[in-house]
Amino acid sequence: MRPETKQPYFFGVSFLFAPPPALTPGLLLSFQQRLAEPEAGIVFDQVQRLPAGSAAVHVFTRAAPPLQVTVGQPGPQPLGQLLVVAPQPNRTADDFIDDAESVVEVFRETWPGPIQVIRRDCTVRHLYSVREEHAFRYLWAHRLRQPEDAMREFGRQILGGGLRLVMPARVDVENDPLLEVKIESLLADPRMLFVETQAVWEQPLPPGNEPNPRELVEAVEQYADGPVVQFIMRER
């Protein structure tokens, strides 16, 4: 793998909290208008209302640079969700953090009052070039040191594959997340290595703690750039 070829492929943060927001048309319009003001400068091209369980969610989408914000009550439980994602962002993590912080700030201005954050998660995805013609061949033969002819047992062409690692939260570490790492060839372009790092904090925060996207993204980016890359690059 060539770490210097790192390309951002996806950023996302999600917060579940109680109580859920009141999704009145006036408040939703105010949220959209306040984000469009020069200070935040986030102008959405489309707004959709999607049913979700006994409630509904509203999805605000900006085409360029890509950004999607979901606000609502995703299920029958009395919990609200704020989800901010940037698919194929072609931007840095810091750019995404700036947008996510603006979204959270305007969200809390639009829906003020005490909340408790129940669950947090963050996902980052990156692409890397490899020197081999196929990223799965790099993983299988170079990183895992497995014979290439072992794949013949399937009797089929292998389009791609990879590894999935799940690491539970450590009970002796405060505020430790569950981690999931996927390392696989990108089916759309098998010359590229797809690396996803996801963290889920399932411990509720004490009341009064606000959603903090910067803290999540920086923590997951640091783990992705550190232990994950070191694992991929490790030689026998």
C-alpha atoms as a PDB file:
ATOM      1  CA  MET A   1       0.000   0.000   0.000  1.00  0.00           C
ATOM      2  CA  ARG A   2       1.129   3.534  -0.735  1.00  0.00           C
ATOM      3  CA  PRO A   3       0.030   5.677   2.259  1.00  0.00           C
ATOM      4  CA  GLU A   4       0.948   8.901   0.477  1.00  0.00           C
ATOM      5  CA  THR A   5      -1.932   8.276  -2.000  1.00  0.00           C
ATOM      6  CA  LYS A   6      -4.638   8.547   0.694  1.00  0.00           C
ATOM      7  CA  GLN A   7      -7.938   9.909  -0.666  1.00  0.00           C
ATOM      8  CA  PRO A   8     -10.941  10.824   1.526  1.00  0.00           C
ATOM      9  CA  TYR A   9     -13.926   8.704   0.460  1.00  0.00           C
ATOM     10  CA  PHE A  10     -16.513   9.263   3.201  1.00  0.00           C
ATOM     11  CA  PHE A  11     -16.953  11.116   6.497  1.00  0.00           C
ATOM     12  CA  GLY A  12     -19.900  10.734   8.832  1.00  0.00           C
ATOM     13  CA  VAL A  13     -20.991  11.456  12.394  1.00  0.00           C
ATOM     14  CA  SER A  14     -24.245  10.560  14.129  1.00  0.00           C
ATOM     15  CA  PHE A  15     -25.784  11.488  17.468  1.00  0.00           C
ATOM     16  CA  LEU A  16     -28.793   9.894  19.174  1.00  0.00           C
ATOM     17  CA  PHE A  17     -30.250  12.003  21.966  1.00  0.00           C
ATOM     18  CA  ALA A  18     -33.289  12.544  24.137  1.00  0.00           C
ATOM     19  CA  PRO A  19     -35.769  14.116  23.929  1.00  0.00           C
ATOM     20  CA  PRO A  20     -36.387  14.181  20.147  1.00  0.00           C
ATOM     21  CA  PRO A  21     -36.801  17.539  18.372  1.00  0.00           C
ATOM     22  CA  ALA A  22     -40.207  18.912  17.445  1.00  0.00           C
ATOM     23  CA  LEU A  23     -40.151  18.762  13.640  1.00  0.00           C
ATOM     24  CA  THR A  24     -42.584  21.541  12.862  1.00  0.00           C
ATOM     25  CA  PRO A  25     -42.444  23.072   9.357  1.00  0.00           C
ATOM     26  CA  GLY A  26     -41.443  26.441  10.790  1.00  0.00           C
ATOM     27  CA  LEU A  27     -38.479  25.079  12.764  1.00  0.00           C
ATOM     28  CA  LEU A  28     -37.281  22.944   9.856  1.00  0.00           C
ATOM     29  CA  LEU A  29     -37.398  25.974   7.547  1.00  0.00           C
ATOM     30  CA  SER A  30     -35.583  28.086  10.138  1.00  0.00           C
ATOM     31  CA  PHE A  31     -32.859  25.421  10.422  1.00  0.00           C
ATOM     32  CA  GLN A  32     -32.365  25.438   6.664  1.00  0.00           C
ATOM     33  CA  GLN A  33     -32.393  29.243   6.370  1.00  0.00           C
ATOM     34  CA  ARG A  34     -29.962  29.816   9.232  1.00  0.00           C
ATOM     35  CA  LEU A  35     -27.469  27.362   7.763  1.00  0.00           C
ATOM     36  CA  ALA A  36     -27.669  29.255   4.456  1.00  0.00           C
ATOM     37  CA  GLU A  37     -26.567  32.501   6.118  1.00  0.00           C
ATOM     38  CA  PRO A  38     -22.977  33.623   5.345  1.00  0.00           C
ATOM     39  CA  GLU A  39     -21.575  32.542   8.704  1.00  0.00           C
ATOM     40  CA  ALA A  40     -22.253  28.860   7.978  1.00  0.00           C
ATOM     41  CA  GLY A  41     -22.676  29.116   4.210  1.00  0.00           C
ATOM     42  CA  ILE A  42     -24.371  25.711   3.826  1.00  0.00           C
ATOM     43  CA  VAL A  43     -27.030  25.909   1.138  1.00  0.00           C
ATOM     44  CA  PHE A  44     -29.055  22.764   0.490  1.00  0.00           C
ATOM     45  CA  ASP A  45     -30.313  21.802  -2.955  1.00  0.00           C
ATOM     46  CA  GLN A  46     -32.974  19.367  -1.796  1.00  0.00           C
ATOM     47  CA  VAL A  47     -35.047  18.495   1.275  1.00  0.00           C
ATOM     48  CA  GLN A  48     -36.872  15.179   1.645  1.00  0.00           C
ATOM     49  CA  ARG A  49     -39.234  13.851   4.292  1.00  0.00           C
ATOM     50  CA  LEU A  50     -38.862  10.119   4.836  1.00  0.00           C
ATOM     51  CA  PRO A  51     -41.054   7.934   7.052  1.00  0.00           C
ATOM     52  CA  ALA A  52     -39.181   6.166   9.848  1.00  0.00           C
ATOM     53  CA  GLY A  53     -41.129   3.915  12.196  1.00  0.00           C
ATOM     54  CA  SER A  54     -43.820   5.896  13.947  1.00  0.00           C
ATOM     55  CA  ALA A  55     -42.100   9.204  13.213  1.00  0.00           C
ATOM     56  CA  ALA A  56     -40.256  10.750  10.279  1.00  0.00           C
ATOM     57  CA  VAL A  57     -36.847  12.079   9.350  1.00  0.00           C
ATOM     58  CA  HIS A  58     -35.932  15.015   7.154  1.00  0.00           C
ATOM     59  CA  VAL A  59     -32.913  14.796   4.865  1.00  0.00           C
ATOM     60  CA  PHE A  60     -31.174  17.974   3.675  1.00  0.00           C
ATOM     61  CA  THR A  61     -28.828  17.436   0.725  1.00  0.00           C
ATOM     62  CA  ARG A  62     -26.139  19.610  -0.831  1.00  0.00           C
ATOM     63  CA  ALA A  63     -24.757  18.365  -4.134  1.00  0.00           C
ATOM     64  CA  ALA A  64     -21.397  20.157  -4.227  1.00  0.00           C
ATOM     65  CA  PRO A  65     -19.414  19.775  -2.168  1.00  0.00           C
ATOM     66  CA  PRO A  66     -21.396  16.708  -1.082  1.00  0.00           C
ATOM     67  CA  LEU A  67     -23.102  16.979   2.292  1.00  0.00           C
ATOM     68  CA  GLN A  68     -26.182  15.291   3.733  1.00  0.00           C
ATOM     69  CA  VAL A  69     -27.844  16.170   7.028  1.00  0.00           C
ATOM     70  CA  THR A  70     -30.565  14.007   8.559  1.00  0.00           C
ATOM     71  CA  VAL A  71     -32.747  15.285  11.404  1.00  0.00           C
ATOM     72  CA  GLY A  72     -35.571  13.401  13.018  1.00  0.00           C
ATOM     73  CA  GLN A  73     -36.862  10.579  15.143  1.00  0.00           C
ATOM     74  CA  PRO A  74     -35.613   7.411  13.403  1.00  0.00           C
ATOM     75  CA  GLY A  75     -37.815   4.902  15.223  1.00  0.00           C
ATOM     76  CA  PRO A  76     -40.628   4.399  17.707  1.00  0.00           C
ATOM     77  CA  GLN A  77     -38.436   5.151  20.726  1.00  0.00           C
ATOM     78  CA  PRO A  78     -38.496   8.778  21.930  1.00  0.00           C
ATOM     79  CA  LEU A  79     -35.018   9.541  20.608  1.00  0.00           C
ATOM     80  CA  GLY A  80     -33.847  12.159  18.137  1.00  0.00           C
ATOM     81  CA  GLN A  81     -31.043  11.784  15.619  1.00  0.00           C
ATOM     82  CA  LEU A  82     -28.681  14.237  13.994  1.00  0.00           C
ATOM     83  CA  LEU A  83     -26.648  12.629  11.202  1.00  0.00           C
ATOM     84  CA  VAL A  84     -24.075  14.496   9.088  1.00  0.00           C
ATOM     85  CA  VAL A  85     -22.298  12.695   6.241  1.00  0.00           C
ATOM     86  CA  ALA A  86     -20.125  13.634   3.268  1.00  0.00           C
ATOM     87  CA  PRO A  87     -20.028  10.880   0.611  1.00  0.00           C
ATOM     88  CA  GLN A  88     -17.033  11.032  -1.746  1.00  0.00           C
ATOM     89  CA  PRO A  89     -16.241  14.473  -0.337  1.00  0.00           C
ATOM     90  CA  ASN A  90     -13.083  15.345  -2.316  1.00  0.00           C
ATOM     91  CA  ARG A  91     -12.250  17.462   0.744  1.00  0.00           C
ATOM     92  CA  THR A  92     -10.218  17.083   3.909  1.00  0.00           C
ATOM     93  CA  ALA A  93     -11.420  15.903   7.303  1.00  0.00           C
ATOM     94  CA  ASP A  94     -11.015  19.468   8.604  1.00  0.00           C
ATOM     95  CA  ASP A  95     -13.398  20.738   5.910  1.00  0.00           C
ATOM     96  CA  PHE A  96     -15.990  18.185   6.972  1.00  0.00           C
ATOM     97  CA  ILE A  97     -15.500  19.035  10.643  1.00  0.00           C
ATOM     98  CA  ASP A  98     -16.136  22.724   9.906  1.00  0.00           C
ATOM     99  CA  ASP A  99     -19.425  21.868   8.183  1.00  0.00           C
ATOM    100  CA  ALA A 100     -20.471  19.412  10.897  1.00  0.00           C
ATOM    101  CA  GLU A 101     -19.756  21.928  13.660  1.00  0.00           C
ATOM    102  CA  SER A 102     -21.851  24.546  11.853  1.00  0.00           C
ATOM    103  CA  VAL A 103     -24.708  22.050  11.504  1.00  0.00           C
ATOM    104  CA  VAL A 104     -24.596  21.152  15.196  1.00  0.00           C
ATOM    105  CA  GLU A 105     -24.424  24.797  16.263  1.00  0.00           C
ATOM    106  CA  VAL A 106     -27.432  25.817  14.155  1.00  0.00           C
ATOM    107  CA  PHE A 107     -29.318  22.683  15.183  1.00  0.00           C
ATOM    108  CA  ARG A 108     -28.942  23.567  18.860  1.00  0.00           C
ATOM    109  CA  GLU A 109     -29.932  27.176  18.176  1.00  0.00           C
ATOM    110  CA  THR A 110     -33.052  25.986  16.367  1.00  0.00           C
ATOM    111  CA  TRP A 111     -33.913  23.313  18.935  1.00  0.00           C
ATOM    112  CA  PRO A 112     -32.553  24.654  22.246  1.00  0.00           C
ATOM    113  CA  GLY A 113     -33.141  23.161  25.643  1.00  0.00           C
ATOM    114  CA  PRO A 114     -31.502  20.367  27.616  1.00  0.00           C
ATOM    115  CA  ILE A 115     -30.729  17.105  25.831  1.00  0.00           C
ATOM    116  CA  GLN A 116     -28.802  13.974  26.727  1.00  0.00           C
ATOM    117  CA  VAL A 117     -26.616  12.347  24.075  1.00  0.00           C
ATOM    118  CA  ILE A 118     -27.331   8.611  24.270  1.00  0.00           C
ATOM    119  CA  ARG A 119     -25.119   7.231  21.495  1.00  0.00           C
ATOM    120  CA  ARG A 120     -22.424   8.568  19.165  1.00  0.00           C
ATOM    121  CA  ASP A 121     -20.722   7.097  16.149  1.00  0.00           C
ATOM    122  CA  CYS A 122     -18.276   8.175  13.478  1.00  0.00           C
ATOM    123  CA  THR A 123     -17.214   6.563  10.201  1.00  0.00           C
ATOM    124  CA  VAL A 124     -14.318   7.531   7.954  1.00  0.00           C
ATOM    125  CA  ARG A 125     -13.391   5.836   4.681  1.00  0.00           C
ATOM    126  CA  HIS A 126     -10.257   6.288   2.631  1.00  0.00           C
ATOM    127  CA  LEU A 127      -8.852   4.939  -0.615  1.00  0.00           C
ATOM    128  CA  TYR A 128      -5.211   4.027  -1.204  1.00  0.00           C
ATOM    129  CA  SER A 129      -3.292   2.955  -4.279  1.00  0.00           C
ATOM    130  CA  VAL A 130      -1.290  -0.257  -4.251  1.00  0.00           C
ATOM    131  CA  ARG A 131       1.657  -1.219  -6.430  1.00  0.00           C
ATOM    132  CA  GLU A 132      -0.005  -4.488  -7.468  1.00  0.00           C
ATOM    133  CA  GLU A 133      -2.616  -4.601 -10.235  1.00  0.00           C
ATOM    134  CA  HIS A 134      -5.302  -5.785  -7.793  1.00  0.00           C
ATOM    135  CA  ALA A 135      -5.743  -4.595  -4.213  1.00  0.00           C
ATOM    136  CA  PHE A 136      -7.059  -7.983  -3.050  1.00  0.00           C
ATOM    137  CA  ARG A 137      -3.960  -9.672  -4.422  1.00  0.00           C
ATOM    138  CA  TYR A 138      -1.924  -7.224  -2.352  1.00  0.00           C
ATOM    139  CA  LEU A 139      -3.887  -8.135   0.781  1.00  0.00           C
ATOM    140  CA  TRP A 140      -3.928 -11.876   0.175  1.00  0.00           C
ATOM    141  CA  ALA A 141      -0.440 -12.545  -1.157  1.00  0.00           C
ATOM    142  CA  HIS A 142       1.618  -9.639   0.184  1.00  0.00           C
ATOM    143  CA  ARG A 143       0.067  -8.703   3.523  1.00  0.00           C
ATOM    144  CA  LEU A 144      -1.344 -12.104   4.592  1.00  0.00           C
ATOM    145  CA  ARG A 145       1.397 -14.135   2.849  1.00  0.00           C
ATOM    146  CA  GLN A 146      -1.083 -16.627   1.427  1.00  0.00           C
ATOM    147  CA  PRO A 147      -0.502 -18.619  -1.790  1.00  0.00           C
ATOM    148  CA  GLU A 148      -2.408 -17.198  -4.743  1.00  0.00           C
ATOM    149  CA  ASP A 149      -3.427 -20.649  -5.965  1.00  0.00           C
ATOM    150  CA  ALA A 150      -5.450 -21.183  -2.764  1.00  0.00           C
ATOM    151  CA  MET A 151      -8.182 -19.051  -4.350  1.00  0.00           C
ATOM    152  CA  ARG A 152      -8.699 -21.757  -6.991  1.00  0.00           C
ATOM    153  CA  GLU A 153     -10.629 -23.809  -4.450  1.00  0.00           C
ATOM    154  CA  PHE A 154     -13.653 -21.601  -5.111  1.00  0.00           C
ATOM    155  CA  GLY A 155     -13.626 -22.454  -8.796  1.00  0.00           C
ATOM    156  CA  ARG A 156     -14.711 -18.916  -9.649  1.00  0.00           C
ATOM    157  CA  GLN A 157     -13.157 -15.611 -10.571  1.00  0.00           C
ATOM    158  CA  ILE A 158     -12.508 -13.443  -7.506  1.00  0.00           C
ATOM    159  CA  LEU A 159     -13.639  -9.853  -8.099  1.00  0.00           C
ATOM    160  CA  GLY A 160     -12.509  -8.663  -4.700  1.00  0.00           C
ATOM    161  CA  GLY A 161     -12.355  -9.312  -1.001  1.00  0.00           C
ATOM    162  CA  GLY A 162     -10.845  -8.174   2.238  1.00  0.00           C
ATOM    163  CA  LEU A 163     -10.738  -8.234   6.015  1.00  0.00           C
ATOM    164  CA  ARG A 164     -13.210  -7.184   8.692  1.00  0.00           C
ATOM    165  CA  LEU A 165     -12.044  -6.660  12.272  1.00  0.00           C
ATOM    166  CA  VAL A 166     -14.363  -5.879  15.207  1.00  0.00           C
ATOM    167  CA  MET A 167     -12.870  -4.720  18.525  1.00  0.00           C
ATOM    168  CA  PRO A 168     -15.151  -4.266  21.554  1.00  0.00           C
ATOM    169  CA  ALA A 169     -14.870  -1.319  23.875  1.00  0.00           C
ATOM    170  CA  ARG A 170     -12.322  -1.889  26.641  1.00  0.00           C
ATOM    171  CA  VAL A 171     -14.012  -1.975  30.028  1.00  0.00           C
ATOM    172  CA  ASP A 172     -10.971  -0.513  31.781  1.00  0.00           C
ATOM    173  CA  VAL A 173     -10.725   2.522  29.466  1.00  0.00           C
ATOM    174  CA  GLU A 174     -13.039   5.473  30.042  1.00  0.00           C
ATOM    175  CA  ASN A 175     -15.125   6.618  27.077  1.00  0.00           C
ATOM    176  CA  ASP A 176     -13.774   3.805  24.894  1.00  0.00           C
ATOM    177  CA  PRO A 177     -15.669   2.989  21.675  1.00  0.00           C
ATOM    178  CA  LEU A 178     -16.369  -0.236  19.853  1.00  0.00           C
ATOM    179  CA  LEU A 179     -14.201  -0.217  16.728  1.00  0.00           C
ATOM    180  CA  GLU A 180     -14.798  -1.860  13.364  1.00  0.00           C
ATOM    181  CA  VAL A 181     -12.225  -1.825  10.568  1.00  0.00           C
ATOM    182  CA  LYS A 182     -12.752  -3.008   6.991  1.00  0.00           C
ATOM    183  CA  ILE A 183      -9.845  -3.395   4.583  1.00  0.00           C
ATOM    184  CA  GLU A 184     -10.792  -4.566   1.115  1.00  0.00           C
ATOM    185  CA  SER A 185     -10.404  -4.016  -2.576  1.00  0.00           C
ATOM    186  CA  LEU A 186     -12.735  -1.445  -4.105  1.00  0.00           C
ATOM    187  CA  LEU A 187     -15.049  -3.290  -6.474  1.00  0.00           C
ATOM    188  CA  ALA A 188     -15.533  -0.213  -8.670  1.00  0.00           C
ATOM    189  CA  ASP A 189     -11.744   0.021  -9.153  1.00  0.00           C
ATOM    190  CA  PRO A 190      -9.839  -3.050  -7.914  1.00  0.00           C
ATOM    191  CA  ARG A 191      -6.554  -1.166  -8.104  1.00  0.00           C
ATOM    192  CA  MET A 192      -7.656   0.827  -5.057  1.00  0.00           C
ATOM    193  CA  LEU A 193      -7.666  -0.341  -1.444  1.00  0.00           C
ATOM    194  CA  PHE A 194     -10.791   0.652   0.505  1.00  0.00           C
ATOM    195  CA  VAL A 195     -10.263   1.220   4.247  1.00  0.00           C
ATOM    196  CA  GLU A 196     -13.166   1.973   6.600  1.00  0.00           C
ATOM    197  CA  THR A 197     -12.764   2.790  10.280  1.00  0.00           C
ATOM    198  CA  GLN A 198     -15.894   3.110  12.409  1.00  0.00           C
ATOM    199  CA  ALA A 199     -16.225   3.896  16.104  1.00  0.00           C
ATOM    200  CA  VAL A 200     -19.394   3.598  18.190  1.00  0.00           C
ATOM    201  CA  TRP A 201     -19.671   5.113  21.652  1.00  0.00           C
ATOM    202  CA  GLU A 202     -22.597   3.357  23.297  1.00  0.00           C
ATOM    203  CA  GLN A 203     -22.239   4.982  26.729  1.00  0.00           C
ATOM    204  CA  PRO A 204     -24.640   7.908  27.271  1.00  0.00           C
ATOM    205  CA  LEU A 205     -22.987  11.216  28.027  1.00  0.00           C
ATOM    206  CA  PRO A 206     -23.876  13.026  31.251  1.00  0.00           C
ATOM    207  CA  PRO A 207     -26.711  15.541  30.748  1.00  0.00           C
ATOM    208  CA  GLY A 208     -25.412  18.902  29.592  1.00  0.00           C
ATOM    209  CA  ASN A 209     -22.738  17.539  27.246  1.00  0.00           C
ATOM    210  CA  GLU A 210     -23.273  18.818  23.711  1.00  0.00           C
ATOM    211  CA  PRO A 211     -22.715  16.857  20.454  1.00  0.00           C
ATOM    212  CA  ASN A 212     -19.070  17.316  19.458  1.00  0.00           C
ATOM    213  CA  PRO A 213     -18.298  16.175  15.894  1.00  0.00           C
ATOM    214  CA  ARG A 214     -14.689  17.390  16.006  1.00  0.00           C
ATOM    215  CA  GLU A 215     -13.848  15.112  18.916  1.00  0.00           C
ATOM    216  CA  LEU A 216     -15.235  12.070  17.101  1.00  0.00           C
ATOM    217  CA  VAL A 217     -13.736  12.694  13.661  1.00  0.00           C
ATOM    218  CA  GLU A 218     -10.298  13.556  14.995  1.00  0.00           C
ATOM    219  CA  ALA A 219     -10.239  10.437  17.190  1.00  0.00           C
ATOM    220  CA  VAL A 220     -11.239   8.110  14.353  1.00  0.00           C
ATOM    221  CA  GLU A 221      -8.934   9.783  11.829  1.00  0.00           C
ATOM    222  CA  GLN A 222      -6.048   9.414  14.271  1.00  0.00           C
ATOM    223  CA  TYR A 223      -6.773   5.704  14.700  1.00  0.00           C
ATOM    224  CA  ALA A 224      -7.172   5.211  10.941  1.00  0.00           C
ATOM    225  CA  ASP A 225      -3.881   6.982  10.190  1.00  0.00           C
ATOM    226  CA  GLY A 226      -2.079   5.226  13.031  1.00  0.00           C
ATOM    227  CA  PRO A 227      -2.848   1.631  14.058  1.00  0.00           C
ATOM    228  CA  VAL A 228      -4.902   0.811  10.951  1.00  0.00           C
ATOM    229  CA  VAL A 229      -2.244   1.946   8.468  1.00  0.00           C
ATOM    230  CA  GLN A 230       0.470   0.336  10.581  1.00  0.00           C
ATOM    231  CA  PHE A 231      -1.421  -2.967  10.479  1.00  0.00           C
ATOM    232  CA  ILE A 232      -1.804  -2.821   6.700  1.00  0.00           C
ATOM    233  CA  MET A 233       1.830  -1.895   6.150  1.00  0.00           C
ATOM    234  CA  ARG A 234       3.258  -4.380   8.646  1.00  0.00           C
ATOM    235  CA  GLU A 235       5.731  -6.880   7.230  1.00  0.00           C
ATOM    236  CA  ARG A 236       6.319 -10.324   8.617  1.00  0.00           C
END
